[in-house]
N, C-alpha and C. Protein backbone atom coordinates (compact mmCIF):
# COMPACT_ATOMS: atom_id res chain seq x y z
N MET A 1 14.92 -4.25 5.05
CA MET A 1 15.57 -5.45 5.50
C MET A 1 16.60 -5.90 4.47
N VAL A 2 17.76 -6.30 4.92
CA VAL A 2 18.83 -6.71 4.04
C VAL A 2 19.09 -8.20 4.23
N SER A 3 18.94 -8.95 3.15
CA SER A 3 19.23 -10.37 3.20
C SER A 3 20.74 -10.57 3.17
N LEU A 4 21.25 -11.54 3.88
CA LEU A 4 22.68 -11.81 3.93
C LEU A 4 23.00 -13.01 3.04
N ASN A 5 23.79 -12.83 1.98
CA ASN A 5 24.12 -13.87 1.01
C ASN A 5 25.60 -13.87 0.68
N TYR A 6 25.98 -14.73 -0.28
CA TYR A 6 27.38 -14.87 -0.69
C TYR A 6 27.76 -13.80 -1.71
N LEU A 7 29.00 -13.33 -1.67
CA LEU A 7 29.54 -12.39 -2.66
C LEU A 7 29.78 -13.15 -3.96
N THR A 8 29.34 -12.59 -5.09
CA THR A 8 29.44 -13.29 -6.37
C THR A 8 30.37 -12.62 -7.36
N TYR A 9 31.06 -11.56 -6.99
CA TYR A 9 31.96 -10.89 -7.92
C TYR A 9 33.19 -11.76 -8.17
N ASP A 10 33.57 -11.90 -9.43
CA ASP A 10 34.71 -12.72 -9.81
C ASP A 10 35.97 -11.85 -9.90
N PHE A 11 36.91 -12.06 -9.01
CA PHE A 11 38.16 -11.29 -8.99
C PHE A 11 39.29 -12.00 -9.73
N SER A 12 39.01 -13.09 -10.42
CA SER A 12 40.07 -13.92 -10.98
C SER A 12 40.96 -13.20 -11.98
N ASP A 13 40.41 -12.22 -12.72
CA ASP A 13 41.23 -11.56 -13.72
C ASP A 13 42.15 -10.49 -13.12
N VAL A 14 41.98 -10.18 -11.86
CA VAL A 14 42.82 -9.18 -11.20
C VAL A 14 43.35 -9.73 -9.89
N ILE A 15 43.72 -10.99 -9.90
CA ILE A 15 44.03 -11.72 -8.67
C ILE A 15 45.06 -11.03 -7.79
N ASN A 16 46.08 -10.40 -8.37
CA ASN A 16 47.10 -9.76 -7.55
C ASN A 16 46.84 -8.28 -7.34
N GLU A 17 45.72 -7.78 -7.84
CA GLU A 17 45.44 -6.36 -7.71
C GLU A 17 44.05 -6.12 -7.14
N GLN A 18 43.59 -7.02 -6.34
CA GLN A 18 42.29 -6.86 -5.71
C GLN A 18 42.47 -6.40 -4.26
N PRO A 19 41.43 -5.78 -3.70
CA PRO A 19 41.52 -5.40 -2.29
C PRO A 19 41.66 -6.64 -1.40
N SER A 20 42.40 -6.49 -0.34
CA SER A 20 42.53 -7.59 0.63
C SER A 20 41.21 -7.75 1.37
N THR A 21 41.04 -8.88 2.02
CA THR A 21 39.79 -9.14 2.73
C THR A 21 39.54 -8.13 3.84
N ASP A 22 40.59 -7.67 4.51
CA ASP A 22 40.37 -6.69 5.58
C ASP A 22 39.91 -5.34 5.03
N ILE A 23 40.43 -4.95 3.86
CA ILE A 23 39.99 -3.69 3.25
C ILE A 23 38.55 -3.83 2.75
N LEU A 24 38.22 -4.99 2.15
CA LEU A 24 36.84 -5.21 1.72
C LEU A 24 35.88 -5.20 2.91
N PHE A 25 36.30 -5.83 4.02
CA PHE A 25 35.45 -5.84 5.20
C PHE A 25 35.25 -4.42 5.74
N GLN A 26 36.31 -3.62 5.71
CA GLN A 26 36.18 -2.23 6.13
C GLN A 26 35.21 -1.48 5.21
N ALA A 27 35.25 -1.76 3.91
CA ALA A 27 34.41 -1.07 2.94
C ALA A 27 32.92 -1.38 3.09
N ILE A 28 32.59 -2.50 3.72
CA ILE A 28 31.18 -2.85 3.91
C ILE A 28 30.69 -2.61 5.33
N THR A 29 31.56 -2.09 6.19
CA THR A 29 31.24 -1.94 7.62
C THR A 29 30.80 -0.51 7.94
N ARG A 30 29.59 -0.37 8.44
CA ARG A 30 29.04 0.93 8.85
C ARG A 30 29.57 1.31 10.23
N ARG A 31 29.64 2.59 10.50
CA ARG A 31 30.07 3.08 11.80
C ARG A 31 29.15 2.57 12.92
N SER A 32 27.89 2.33 12.60
CA SER A 32 26.90 1.93 13.59
C SER A 32 27.20 0.60 14.28
N VAL A 33 28.09 -0.22 13.72
CA VAL A 33 28.39 -1.50 14.34
C VAL A 33 29.47 -1.40 15.41
N ASN A 34 30.07 -0.23 15.55
CA ASN A 34 31.06 0.03 16.59
C ASN A 34 32.28 -0.88 16.52
N GLU A 35 32.74 -1.17 15.30
CA GLU A 35 33.99 -1.90 15.13
C GLU A 35 35.15 -0.91 15.29
N GLN A 36 36.38 -1.40 15.23
CA GLN A 36 37.54 -0.52 15.35
C GLN A 36 37.78 0.25 14.05
N PHE A 37 37.04 -0.08 13.01
CA PHE A 37 37.18 0.57 11.70
C PHE A 37 35.80 0.65 11.07
N ASP A 38 35.66 1.49 10.05
CA ASP A 38 34.42 1.56 9.29
C ASP A 38 34.72 2.08 7.89
N MET A 39 33.68 2.21 7.09
CA MET A 39 33.82 2.54 5.68
C MET A 39 34.06 4.01 5.38
N GLU A 40 33.96 4.91 6.34
CA GLU A 40 33.86 6.34 6.05
C GLU A 40 35.05 6.90 5.28
N ASN A 41 36.28 6.57 5.65
CA ASN A 41 37.43 7.10 4.90
C ASN A 41 37.48 6.57 3.47
N LEU A 42 37.18 5.28 3.30
CA LEU A 42 37.14 4.70 1.96
C LEU A 42 36.01 5.32 1.14
N GLU A 43 34.91 5.60 1.80
CA GLU A 43 33.76 6.22 1.13
C GLU A 43 34.11 7.61 0.59
N ILE A 44 34.81 8.40 1.36
CA ILE A 44 35.21 9.74 0.92
C ILE A 44 36.12 9.63 -0.30
N LEU A 45 37.09 8.74 -0.24
CA LEU A 45 38.01 8.54 -1.36
C LEU A 45 37.25 8.06 -2.60
N GLY A 46 36.39 7.07 -2.43
CA GLY A 46 35.61 6.53 -3.54
C GLY A 46 34.68 7.56 -4.14
N ASP A 47 34.07 8.38 -3.30
CA ASP A 47 33.18 9.44 -3.78
C ASP A 47 33.93 10.43 -4.68
N CYS A 48 35.10 10.84 -4.25
CA CYS A 48 35.91 11.77 -5.05
C CYS A 48 36.33 11.15 -6.38
N PHE A 49 36.77 9.91 -6.35
CA PHE A 49 37.21 9.25 -7.59
C PHE A 49 36.02 9.01 -8.52
N LEU A 50 34.88 8.66 -7.96
CA LEU A 50 33.66 8.48 -8.75
C LEU A 50 33.30 9.77 -9.48
N LYS A 51 33.31 10.89 -8.78
CA LYS A 51 32.99 12.17 -9.40
C LYS A 51 33.99 12.53 -10.50
N LEU A 52 35.26 12.28 -10.25
CA LEU A 52 36.29 12.58 -11.25
C LEU A 52 36.11 11.74 -12.50
N THR A 53 35.98 10.43 -12.35
CA THR A 53 35.90 9.56 -13.53
C THR A 53 34.61 9.76 -14.32
N VAL A 54 33.51 9.95 -13.64
CA VAL A 54 32.25 10.21 -14.34
C VAL A 54 32.34 11.55 -15.07
N SER A 55 32.89 12.56 -14.42
CA SER A 55 33.04 13.88 -15.07
C SER A 55 33.92 13.79 -16.31
N MET A 56 35.04 13.08 -16.21
CA MET A 56 35.93 12.94 -17.37
C MET A 56 35.24 12.18 -18.50
N SER A 57 34.56 11.12 -18.17
CA SER A 57 33.87 10.33 -19.19
C SER A 57 32.82 11.17 -19.90
N LEU A 58 32.03 11.91 -19.15
CA LEU A 58 31.01 12.77 -19.76
C LEU A 58 31.63 13.87 -20.61
N TYR A 59 32.72 14.44 -20.14
CA TYR A 59 33.41 15.50 -20.89
C TYR A 59 33.88 14.97 -22.24
N TYR A 60 34.46 13.77 -22.26
CA TYR A 60 34.95 13.19 -23.50
C TYR A 60 33.80 12.67 -24.38
N ARG A 61 32.77 12.15 -23.75
CA ARG A 61 31.64 11.62 -24.51
C ARG A 61 30.83 12.72 -25.19
N TYR A 62 30.69 13.85 -24.51
CA TYR A 62 29.88 14.97 -25.02
C TYR A 62 30.72 16.25 -25.04
N PRO A 63 31.68 16.34 -25.95
CA PRO A 63 32.60 17.49 -25.93
C PRO A 63 31.94 18.84 -26.23
N LEU A 64 30.76 18.83 -26.84
CA LEU A 64 30.08 20.08 -27.18
C LEU A 64 28.96 20.44 -26.20
N ALA A 65 28.74 19.61 -25.20
CA ALA A 65 27.67 19.87 -24.23
C ALA A 65 28.04 21.05 -23.34
N ASN A 66 27.00 21.76 -22.90
CA ASN A 66 27.27 22.88 -21.98
C ASN A 66 27.39 22.36 -20.55
N VAL A 67 27.85 23.23 -19.67
CA VAL A 67 28.12 22.83 -18.29
C VAL A 67 26.86 22.33 -17.59
N GLY A 68 25.71 22.92 -17.89
CA GLY A 68 24.46 22.49 -17.27
C GLY A 68 24.10 21.06 -17.64
N GLU A 69 24.26 20.72 -18.93
CA GLU A 69 23.95 19.37 -19.39
C GLU A 69 24.90 18.35 -18.76
N LEU A 70 26.19 18.67 -18.72
CA LEU A 70 27.16 17.77 -18.12
C LEU A 70 26.88 17.57 -16.63
N THR A 71 26.55 18.66 -15.95
CA THR A 71 26.26 18.59 -14.51
C THR A 71 25.03 17.73 -14.25
N ASN A 72 23.99 17.90 -15.07
CA ASN A 72 22.78 17.08 -14.88
C ASN A 72 23.07 15.60 -15.07
N GLU A 73 23.82 15.26 -16.11
CA GLU A 73 24.17 13.86 -16.35
C GLU A 73 25.04 13.30 -15.23
N LYS A 74 25.99 14.09 -14.77
CA LYS A 74 26.86 13.65 -13.67
C LYS A 74 26.04 13.41 -12.41
N THR A 75 25.12 14.33 -12.12
CA THR A 75 24.30 14.22 -10.92
C THR A 75 23.49 12.93 -10.93
N LYS A 76 22.93 12.56 -12.08
CA LYS A 76 22.18 11.31 -12.19
C LYS A 76 23.07 10.10 -11.96
N GLU A 77 24.25 10.12 -12.58
CA GLU A 77 25.15 8.96 -12.52
C GLU A 77 25.69 8.72 -11.11
N ILE A 78 26.00 9.79 -10.37
CA ILE A 78 26.61 9.63 -9.04
C ILE A 78 25.59 9.68 -7.91
N SER A 79 24.30 9.75 -8.25
CA SER A 79 23.26 9.88 -7.22
C SER A 79 23.21 8.65 -6.32
N ASN A 80 22.77 8.86 -5.10
CA ASN A 80 22.60 7.74 -4.18
C ASN A 80 21.61 6.72 -4.73
N GLU A 81 20.58 7.20 -5.42
CA GLU A 81 19.58 6.28 -5.98
C GLU A 81 20.21 5.38 -7.04
N ASN A 82 21.06 5.94 -7.91
CA ASN A 82 21.73 5.13 -8.92
C ASN A 82 22.70 4.14 -8.28
N LEU A 83 23.45 4.59 -7.29
CA LEU A 83 24.40 3.69 -6.62
C LEU A 83 23.66 2.57 -5.89
N TYR A 84 22.51 2.88 -5.29
CA TYR A 84 21.69 1.85 -4.66
C TYR A 84 21.22 0.84 -5.70
N ARG A 85 20.75 1.34 -6.85
CA ARG A 85 20.30 0.47 -7.94
C ARG A 85 21.42 -0.49 -8.37
N LEU A 86 22.63 0.04 -8.49
CA LEU A 86 23.77 -0.78 -8.90
C LEU A 86 24.11 -1.83 -7.84
N ALA A 87 23.98 -1.46 -6.57
CA ALA A 87 24.22 -2.42 -5.49
C ALA A 87 23.23 -3.58 -5.59
N VAL A 88 21.98 -3.27 -5.89
CA VAL A 88 20.95 -4.31 -6.02
C VAL A 88 21.22 -5.16 -7.25
N GLU A 89 21.45 -4.52 -8.41
CA GLU A 89 21.66 -5.25 -9.66
C GLU A 89 22.88 -6.18 -9.60
N ASN A 90 23.91 -5.77 -8.89
CA ASN A 90 25.14 -6.56 -8.79
C ASN A 90 25.16 -7.47 -7.57
N LYS A 91 24.04 -7.56 -6.89
CA LYS A 91 23.89 -8.42 -5.72
C LYS A 91 24.92 -8.10 -4.62
N LEU A 92 25.28 -6.82 -4.52
CA LEU A 92 26.20 -6.37 -3.47
C LEU A 92 25.44 -5.90 -2.23
N LYS A 93 24.17 -5.72 -2.38
CA LYS A 93 23.33 -5.23 -1.28
C LYS A 93 23.42 -6.14 -0.06
N ASN A 94 23.67 -7.40 -0.31
CA ASN A 94 23.67 -8.39 0.76
C ASN A 94 24.89 -8.32 1.68
N TYR A 95 25.86 -7.49 1.36
CA TYR A 95 27.11 -7.49 2.11
C TYR A 95 27.25 -6.38 3.13
N LEU A 96 26.34 -5.46 3.14
CA LEU A 96 26.44 -4.35 4.08
C LEU A 96 26.43 -4.87 5.52
N TYR A 97 27.41 -4.47 6.29
CA TYR A 97 27.51 -4.84 7.71
C TYR A 97 27.02 -3.63 8.49
N ASN A 98 25.73 -3.68 8.85
CA ASN A 98 25.04 -2.51 9.37
C ASN A 98 24.68 -2.61 10.84
N GLU A 99 24.60 -3.82 11.35
CA GLU A 99 24.22 -4.04 12.74
C GLU A 99 25.28 -4.86 13.46
N LYS A 100 25.61 -4.47 14.65
CA LYS A 100 26.59 -5.20 15.45
C LYS A 100 26.13 -6.64 15.65
N ILE A 101 27.04 -7.56 15.49
CA ILE A 101 26.71 -8.97 15.69
C ILE A 101 26.63 -9.27 17.18
N ILE A 102 25.50 -9.86 17.56
CA ILE A 102 25.26 -10.26 18.95
C ILE A 102 25.16 -11.78 18.95
N PHE A 103 26.02 -12.43 19.73
CA PHE A 103 26.13 -13.87 19.70
C PHE A 103 25.15 -14.59 20.64
N GLN A 104 24.76 -13.95 21.75
CA GLN A 104 23.96 -14.64 22.75
C GLN A 104 22.80 -13.77 23.22
N GLY A 105 21.84 -14.43 23.85
CA GLY A 105 20.73 -13.73 24.47
C GLY A 105 19.54 -13.53 23.54
N LYS A 106 18.53 -12.84 24.06
CA LYS A 106 17.30 -12.66 23.30
C LYS A 106 17.49 -11.76 22.08
N ASP A 107 18.52 -10.91 22.08
CA ASP A 107 18.80 -10.03 20.95
C ASP A 107 19.80 -10.64 19.96
N SER A 108 20.16 -11.91 20.17
CA SER A 108 21.13 -12.57 19.30
C SER A 108 20.70 -12.47 17.84
N ASN A 109 21.67 -12.15 16.97
CA ASN A 109 21.36 -12.01 15.54
C ASN A 109 22.35 -12.78 14.66
N TRP A 110 23.05 -13.73 15.24
CA TRP A 110 24.03 -14.52 14.49
C TRP A 110 23.87 -15.99 14.81
N LEU A 111 24.03 -16.82 13.79
CA LEU A 111 24.01 -18.27 13.96
C LEU A 111 25.19 -18.87 13.23
N PRO A 112 25.75 -19.96 13.73
CA PRO A 112 26.83 -20.63 13.00
C PRO A 112 26.27 -21.27 11.73
N PRO A 113 27.10 -21.46 10.72
CA PRO A 113 26.64 -22.11 9.48
C PRO A 113 26.03 -23.47 9.76
N GLY A 114 24.90 -23.74 9.12
CA GLY A 114 24.24 -25.03 9.27
C GLY A 114 23.32 -25.15 10.48
N TYR A 115 23.29 -24.15 11.33
CA TYR A 115 22.46 -24.18 12.53
C TYR A 115 20.99 -24.06 12.12
N ILE A 116 20.13 -24.84 12.72
CA ILE A 116 18.71 -24.84 12.37
C ILE A 116 17.94 -24.04 13.41
N ILE A 117 17.05 -23.17 12.91
CA ILE A 117 16.21 -22.36 13.80
C ILE A 117 14.75 -22.53 13.42
N GLN A 118 13.86 -22.09 14.30
CA GLN A 118 12.43 -22.12 14.00
C GLN A 118 12.13 -21.12 12.89
N GLN A 119 11.24 -21.49 11.99
CA GLN A 119 10.92 -20.67 10.82
C GLN A 119 10.41 -19.28 11.21
N ASN A 120 9.66 -19.14 12.30
CA ASN A 120 9.10 -17.84 12.67
C ASN A 120 10.16 -16.85 13.16
N ASN A 121 11.37 -17.28 13.47
CA ASN A 121 12.44 -16.39 13.91
C ASN A 121 13.47 -16.13 12.81
N LEU A 122 13.22 -16.59 11.61
CA LEU A 122 14.21 -16.56 10.54
C LEU A 122 14.70 -15.14 10.19
N ASN A 123 13.81 -14.18 10.02
CA ASN A 123 14.21 -12.83 9.63
C ASN A 123 15.14 -12.17 10.63
N HIS A 124 14.99 -12.51 11.88
CA HIS A 124 15.84 -11.93 12.93
C HIS A 124 17.31 -12.26 12.68
N TYR A 125 17.56 -13.42 12.05
CA TYR A 125 18.92 -13.88 11.81
C TYR A 125 19.42 -13.63 10.38
N THR A 126 18.54 -13.41 9.45
CA THR A 126 18.94 -13.31 8.05
C THR A 126 18.77 -11.93 7.43
N HIS A 127 18.19 -10.98 8.15
CA HIS A 127 17.94 -9.65 7.60
C HIS A 127 18.37 -8.57 8.59
N GLN A 128 18.70 -7.42 8.03
CA GLN A 128 19.00 -6.26 8.86
C GLN A 128 18.37 -5.04 8.20
N LYS A 129 18.11 -4.00 8.98
CA LYS A 129 17.48 -2.79 8.46
C LYS A 129 18.56 -1.79 8.06
N ALA A 130 18.39 -1.19 6.88
CA ALA A 130 19.34 -0.18 6.42
C ALA A 130 18.64 0.74 5.41
N LYS A 131 19.06 1.99 5.39
CA LYS A 131 18.53 2.95 4.42
C LYS A 131 19.28 2.79 3.10
N ARG A 132 18.65 3.25 2.03
CA ARG A 132 19.26 3.14 0.70
C ARG A 132 20.60 3.87 0.63
N LYS A 133 20.72 4.98 1.32
CA LYS A 133 21.97 5.73 1.29
C LYS A 133 23.13 4.89 1.83
N ALA A 134 22.86 4.01 2.77
CA ALA A 134 23.91 3.15 3.32
C ALA A 134 24.52 2.28 2.23
N PHE A 135 23.70 1.83 1.29
CA PHE A 135 24.21 1.00 0.19
C PHE A 135 25.01 1.84 -0.81
N ALA A 136 24.56 3.07 -1.05
CA ALA A 136 25.32 3.98 -1.91
C ALA A 136 26.68 4.27 -1.29
N ASP A 137 26.70 4.48 0.02
CA ASP A 137 27.96 4.71 0.73
C ASP A 137 28.89 3.50 0.60
N MET A 138 28.30 2.30 0.67
CA MET A 138 29.10 1.08 0.53
C MET A 138 29.72 0.99 -0.87
N ILE A 139 28.96 1.34 -1.90
CA ILE A 139 29.50 1.32 -3.27
C ILE A 139 30.68 2.28 -3.36
N GLU A 140 30.54 3.48 -2.82
CA GLU A 140 31.64 4.45 -2.84
C GLU A 140 32.84 3.92 -2.06
N ALA A 141 32.59 3.26 -0.93
CA ALA A 141 33.69 2.70 -0.13
C ALA A 141 34.38 1.55 -0.88
N LEU A 142 33.63 0.74 -1.61
CA LEU A 142 34.24 -0.32 -2.41
C LEU A 142 35.13 0.27 -3.51
N ILE A 143 34.69 1.36 -4.11
CA ILE A 143 35.52 2.05 -5.11
C ILE A 143 36.81 2.53 -4.44
N GLY A 144 36.68 3.12 -3.25
CA GLY A 144 37.86 3.56 -2.50
C GLY A 144 38.77 2.40 -2.15
N ALA A 145 38.19 1.25 -1.81
CA ALA A 145 38.99 0.06 -1.48
C ALA A 145 39.80 -0.40 -2.69
N PHE A 146 39.17 -0.41 -3.86
CA PHE A 146 39.90 -0.80 -5.07
C PHE A 146 41.00 0.22 -5.37
N LEU A 147 40.70 1.49 -5.17
CA LEU A 147 41.66 2.54 -5.50
C LEU A 147 42.93 2.44 -4.65
N ILE A 148 42.79 2.20 -3.36
CA ILE A 148 44.00 2.13 -2.51
C ILE A 148 44.69 0.77 -2.61
N SER A 149 43.99 -0.25 -3.12
CA SER A 149 44.56 -1.59 -3.18
C SER A 149 45.16 -1.94 -4.53
N SER A 150 44.79 -1.21 -5.57
CA SER A 150 45.27 -1.56 -6.90
C SER A 150 45.78 -0.31 -7.62
N ASN A 151 45.16 0.04 -8.72
CA ASN A 151 45.54 1.23 -9.47
C ASN A 151 44.30 1.82 -10.11
N TYR A 152 44.48 2.94 -10.81
CA TYR A 152 43.34 3.62 -11.42
C TYR A 152 42.63 2.72 -12.42
N MET A 153 43.37 1.99 -13.23
CA MET A 153 42.78 1.19 -14.28
C MET A 153 41.92 0.05 -13.72
N ILE A 154 42.42 -0.65 -12.73
CA ILE A 154 41.63 -1.72 -12.11
C ILE A 154 40.40 -1.14 -11.45
N THR A 155 40.54 0.01 -10.81
CA THR A 155 39.40 0.66 -10.17
C THR A 155 38.36 1.06 -11.20
N ILE A 156 38.79 1.61 -12.32
CA ILE A 156 37.85 1.99 -13.38
C ILE A 156 37.18 0.75 -13.96
N LYS A 157 37.92 -0.34 -14.07
CA LYS A 157 37.34 -1.59 -14.56
C LYS A 157 36.28 -2.09 -13.59
N PHE A 158 36.55 -2.02 -12.29
CA PHE A 158 35.55 -2.40 -11.29
C PHE A 158 34.32 -1.51 -11.40
N MET A 159 34.53 -0.21 -11.54
CA MET A 159 33.42 0.73 -11.67
C MET A 159 32.59 0.42 -12.92
N HIS A 160 33.26 0.09 -14.00
CA HIS A 160 32.57 -0.27 -15.24
C HIS A 160 31.76 -1.55 -15.02
N TRP A 161 32.34 -2.54 -14.32
CA TRP A 161 31.63 -3.78 -13.99
C TRP A 161 30.37 -3.47 -13.18
N LEU A 162 30.46 -2.49 -12.28
CA LEU A 162 29.29 -2.11 -11.49
C LEU A 162 28.17 -1.57 -12.37
N GLY A 163 28.55 -1.00 -13.53
CA GLY A 163 27.55 -0.40 -14.41
C GLY A 163 27.65 1.11 -14.47
N LEU A 164 28.70 1.67 -13.91
CA LEU A 164 28.90 3.12 -13.96
C LEU A 164 29.47 3.52 -15.31
N ASN A 165 29.04 4.64 -15.81
CA ASN A 165 29.51 5.16 -17.10
C ASN A 165 30.80 5.94 -16.90
N VAL A 166 31.89 5.22 -16.79
CA VAL A 166 33.18 5.86 -16.53
C VAL A 166 34.13 5.78 -17.71
N ILE A 167 33.69 5.12 -18.79
CA ILE A 167 34.50 5.02 -20.00
C ILE A 167 33.65 5.55 -21.15
N PRO A 168 34.11 6.57 -21.86
CA PRO A 168 33.28 7.16 -22.92
C PRO A 168 33.20 6.26 -24.15
N LEU A 169 32.14 5.45 -24.23
CA LEU A 169 31.93 4.53 -25.34
C LEU A 169 30.69 4.94 -26.12
N ASP A 170 30.67 4.61 -27.43
CA ASP A 170 29.47 4.86 -28.22
C ASP A 170 28.55 3.65 -28.13
N GLN A 171 27.48 3.62 -28.95
CA GLN A 171 26.50 2.54 -28.89
C GLN A 171 27.09 1.18 -29.25
N ASN A 172 28.20 1.17 -29.99
CA ASN A 172 28.83 -0.08 -30.41
C ASN A 172 29.92 -0.55 -29.44
N GLY A 173 30.08 0.13 -28.33
CA GLY A 173 31.10 -0.25 -27.37
C GLY A 173 32.49 0.23 -27.74
N LYS A 174 32.59 1.13 -28.70
CA LYS A 174 33.87 1.69 -29.13
C LYS A 174 34.08 3.04 -28.47
N THR A 175 35.34 3.45 -28.39
CA THR A 175 35.65 4.78 -27.87
C THR A 175 34.92 5.82 -28.70
N THR A 176 34.36 6.82 -28.06
CA THR A 176 33.58 7.84 -28.74
C THR A 176 34.36 8.44 -29.90
N GLU A 177 33.77 8.39 -31.12
CA GLU A 177 34.44 8.85 -32.34
C GLU A 177 34.42 10.37 -32.50
N SER A 178 33.52 11.06 -31.81
CA SER A 178 33.41 12.51 -32.01
C SER A 178 34.51 13.30 -31.30
N LEU A 179 35.39 12.61 -30.61
CA LEU A 179 36.47 13.29 -29.91
C LEU A 179 37.53 13.79 -30.88
N PRO A 180 38.12 14.91 -30.61
CA PRO A 180 39.27 15.31 -31.43
C PRO A 180 40.35 14.23 -31.35
N SER A 181 41.14 14.10 -32.38
CA SER A 181 42.08 12.98 -32.48
C SER A 181 43.04 12.91 -31.30
N ARG A 182 43.52 14.01 -30.80
CA ARG A 182 44.45 13.98 -29.67
C ARG A 182 43.78 13.39 -28.44
N ILE A 183 42.55 13.82 -28.18
CA ILE A 183 41.81 13.30 -27.03
C ILE A 183 41.48 11.83 -27.26
N GLN A 184 41.10 11.50 -28.49
CA GLN A 184 40.76 10.13 -28.82
C GLN A 184 41.94 9.19 -28.58
N ASN A 185 43.12 9.61 -28.96
CA ASN A 185 44.32 8.79 -28.71
C ASN A 185 44.55 8.60 -27.22
N PHE A 186 44.35 9.66 -26.45
CA PHE A 186 44.50 9.57 -25.00
C PHE A 186 43.52 8.54 -24.43
N VAL A 187 42.27 8.62 -24.84
CA VAL A 187 41.25 7.70 -24.32
C VAL A 187 41.57 6.27 -24.73
N LYS A 188 41.95 6.07 -25.99
CA LYS A 188 42.24 4.71 -26.46
C LYS A 188 43.41 4.10 -25.70
N THR A 189 44.46 4.87 -25.48
CA THR A 189 45.65 4.31 -24.83
C THR A 189 45.52 4.24 -23.32
N THR A 190 44.73 5.11 -22.73
CA THR A 190 44.64 5.15 -21.28
C THR A 190 43.41 4.44 -20.75
N TRP A 191 42.23 4.83 -21.20
CA TRP A 191 40.99 4.31 -20.63
C TRP A 191 40.65 2.93 -21.15
N VAL A 192 40.71 2.73 -22.44
CA VAL A 192 40.30 1.46 -23.02
C VAL A 192 41.34 0.37 -22.75
N PHE A 193 42.54 0.75 -22.34
CA PHE A 193 43.59 -0.18 -21.98
C PHE A 193 43.10 -1.20 -20.96
N ILE A 194 42.18 -0.81 -20.12
CA ILE A 194 41.72 -1.72 -19.06
C ILE A 194 41.00 -2.93 -19.60
N PHE A 195 40.45 -2.85 -20.81
CA PHE A 195 39.75 -3.99 -21.37
C PHE A 195 40.70 -5.03 -21.94
N SER A 196 41.92 -4.61 -22.25
CA SER A 196 42.88 -5.56 -22.80
C SER A 196 43.64 -6.29 -21.71
N ASN A 197 43.53 -5.85 -20.47
CA ASN A 197 44.22 -6.52 -19.36
C ASN A 197 43.31 -7.47 -18.64
């Protein structure tokens, strides 16, 4: 069951580079609701960008690791279980649009704001059923929404806000020092730039 609540992400620092409301609505809308749009295209884009940024971060963070170690770490980071966990931790779980809204009749599942209902019927109006993978798909679609609405840096900043390891930092929050100087300069000027904006 999915509780329906308010979105709490603060977009104020990227006010002109945030996804529009229609793109955000598309990113949270499952195909099952039979709207004219859904999250699937954004999800594919977000999934690809997620894999790229996590792979790059791991490559720079662990330059001496073998391919098996990097693959295992990447698999954990991009797993549906991890993305579901991040959706819960960031209170994004409440936004998934998984069931078609029905306004009238015995199957009605929508009420206007402030409308009072009997307590025994509350879950019918405030919760919906969804699998964990649906939330992981929504996270990937939100990444895709940021990517097409802004730029790589804002998208990486959003991913970092989610809790994804997309910037190679050490325990002190600094760019990984074990990188060769040329790579380190690239990371400092390109990846860490997002924290100064």
